Amino acid sequence: MDMNYDPESNILSWEIAEGKIKNTKEFGNFLIHLGEKNKPVLIEILDASKFVGQTEKTLKRNEIEKAISTN
């Protein structure tokens, strides 16, 4: 589907299915927009720059751990 980042609002949005939004669930900085039968339609990450920064740190750590375990 489609993923967008709005630097002005610092929100990352990821459309994962087509459909009309019927309900929204909030989990900290994550908003899960639900459509028919409570299936996820759109995921938004608020304060996304912090999330991306943490993800990059985790990926680097995983790469280091993988390199160490293969030796």
C-alpha atoms as a PDB file:
ATOM      1  CA  MET A   1       0.000   0.000   0.000  1.00  0.00           C
ATOM      2  CA  ASP A   2       1.355   3.433   0.850  1.00  0.00           C
ATOM      3  CA  MET A   3       3.676   4.879   3.504  1.00  0.00           C
ATOM      4  CA  ASN A   4       4.161   8.609   4.111  1.00  0.00           C
ATOM      5  CA  TYR A   5       6.124  10.752   6.520  1.00  0.00           C
ATOM      6  CA  ASP A   6       5.031  14.307   7.321  1.00  0.00           C
ATOM      7  CA  PRO A   7       8.059  16.114   8.817  1.00  0.00           C
ATOM      8  CA  GLU A   8       5.956  19.104   9.902  1.00  0.00           C
ATOM      9  CA  SER A   9       3.716  16.991  12.143  1.00  0.00           C
ATOM     10  CA  ASN A  10       6.374  14.274  12.659  1.00  0.00           C
ATOM     11  CA  ILE A  11       3.875  11.528  11.814  1.00  0.00           C
ATOM     12  CA  LEU A  12       4.582   8.372   9.850  1.00  0.00           C
ATOM     13  CA  SER A  13       1.431   6.896   8.298  1.00  0.00           C
ATOM     14  CA  TRP A  14       1.185   3.494   6.687  1.00  0.00           C
ATOM     15  CA  GLU A  15      -1.902   2.506   4.734  1.00  0.00           C
ATOM     16  CA  ILE A  16      -2.097  -1.274   4.913  1.00  0.00           C
ATOM     17  CA  ALA A  17      -5.544  -1.862   3.401  1.00  0.00           C
ATOM     18  CA  GLU A  18      -8.256  -0.003   1.585  1.00  0.00           C
ATOM     19  CA  GLY A  19     -11.423   0.814   3.414  1.00  0.00           C
ATOM     20  CA  LYS A  20     -13.329   3.339   5.426  1.00  0.00           C
ATOM     21  CA  ILE A  21     -12.100   3.957   8.980  1.00  0.00           C
ATOM     22  CA  LYS A  22     -14.727   2.989  11.564  1.00  0.00           C
ATOM     23  CA  ASN A  23     -12.725   3.083  14.807  1.00  0.00           C
ATOM     24  CA  THR A  24      -9.285   3.972  16.164  1.00  0.00           C
ATOM     25  CA  LYS A  25      -7.248   2.277  18.893  1.00  0.00           C
ATOM     26  CA  GLU A  26      -4.384   4.099  20.584  1.00  0.00           C
ATOM     27  CA  PHE A  27      -1.291   2.317  21.907  1.00  0.00           C
ATOM     28  CA  GLY A  28       1.123   4.966  23.157  1.00  0.00           C
ATOM     29  CA  ASN A  29       2.489   6.711  20.050  1.00  0.00           C
ATOM     30  CA  PHE A  30       0.744   4.256  17.717  1.00  0.00           C
ATOM     31  CA  LEU A  31      -2.731   4.800  16.300  1.00  0.00           C
ATOM     32  CA  ILE A  32      -4.356   1.823  14.621  1.00  0.00           C
ATOM     33  CA  HIS A  33      -7.290   2.861  12.432  1.00  0.00           C
ATOM     34  CA  LEU A  34      -9.748   0.018  11.964  1.00  0.00           C
ATOM     35  CA  GLY A  35     -12.252  -0.605   9.202  1.00  0.00           C
ATOM     36  CA  GLU A  36     -14.939  -3.211   8.659  1.00  0.00           C
ATOM     37  CA  LYS A  37     -14.754  -6.209  11.028  1.00  0.00           C
ATOM     38  CA  ASN A  38     -12.042  -4.354  13.023  1.00  0.00           C
ATOM     39  CA  LYS A  39      -9.378  -5.033  10.391  1.00  0.00           C
ATOM     40  CA  PRO A  40      -6.470  -2.526  10.386  1.00  0.00           C
ATOM     41  CA  VAL A  41      -6.629   0.012   7.558  1.00  0.00           C
ATOM     42  CA  LEU A  42      -4.070   2.637   8.577  1.00  0.00           C
ATOM     43  CA  ILE A  43      -1.275   2.777  11.153  1.00  0.00           C
ATOM     44  CA  GLU A  44       0.079   6.120  12.339  1.00  0.00           C
ATOM     45  CA  ILE A  45       3.199   6.617  14.415  1.00  0.00           C
ATOM     46  CA  LEU A  46       3.229   9.895  16.332  1.00  0.00           C
ATOM     47  CA  ASP A  47       6.567  11.502  17.142  1.00  0.00           C
ATOM     48  CA  ALA A  48       7.952   9.256  14.402  1.00  0.00           C
ATOM     49  CA  SER A  49      11.518  10.584  14.382  1.00  0.00           C
ATOM     50  CA  LYS A  50      12.088   9.083  17.845  1.00  0.00           C
ATOM     51  CA  PHE A  51      10.655   5.740  16.703  1.00  0.00           C
ATOM     52  CA  VAL A  52      12.845   5.646  13.591  1.00  0.00           C
ATOM     53  CA  GLY A  53      15.912   6.506  15.676  1.00  0.00           C
ATOM     54  CA  GLN A  54      15.181   3.641  18.073  1.00  0.00           C
ATOM     55  CA  THR A  55      14.586   1.264  15.165  1.00  0.00           C
ATOM     56  CA  GLU A  56      17.955   2.157  13.635  1.00  0.00           C
ATOM     57  CA  LYS A  57      19.692   1.475  16.973  1.00  0.00           C
ATOM     58  CA  THR A  58      17.947  -1.896  17.242  1.00  0.00           C
ATOM     59  CA  LEU A  59      18.909  -2.866  13.690  1.00  0.00           C
ATOM     60  CA  LYS A  60      22.550  -1.949  14.311  1.00  0.00           C
ATOM     61  CA  ARG A  61      22.552  -3.964  17.540  1.00  0.00           C
ATOM     62  CA  ASN A  62      21.051  -6.965  15.728  1.00  0.00           C
ATOM     63  CA  GLU A  63      23.724  -6.721  13.032  1.00  0.00           C
ATOM     64  CA  ILE A  64      26.470  -6.657  15.680  1.00  0.00           C
ATOM     65  CA  GLU A  65      24.963  -9.618  17.549  1.00  0.00           C
ATOM     66  CA  LYS A  66      24.672 -11.581  14.303  1.00  0.00           C
ATOM     67  CA  ALA A  67      28.316 -10.867  13.391  1.00  0.00           C
ATOM     68  CA  ILE A  68      29.490 -11.957  16.824  1.00  0.00           C
ATOM     69  CA  SER A  69      27.462 -15.168  16.790  1.00  0.00           C
ATOM     70  CA  THR A  70      28.865 -16.284  13.417  1.00  0.00           C
ATOM     71  CA  ASN A  71      32.471 -16.105  14.661  1.00  0.00           C
END
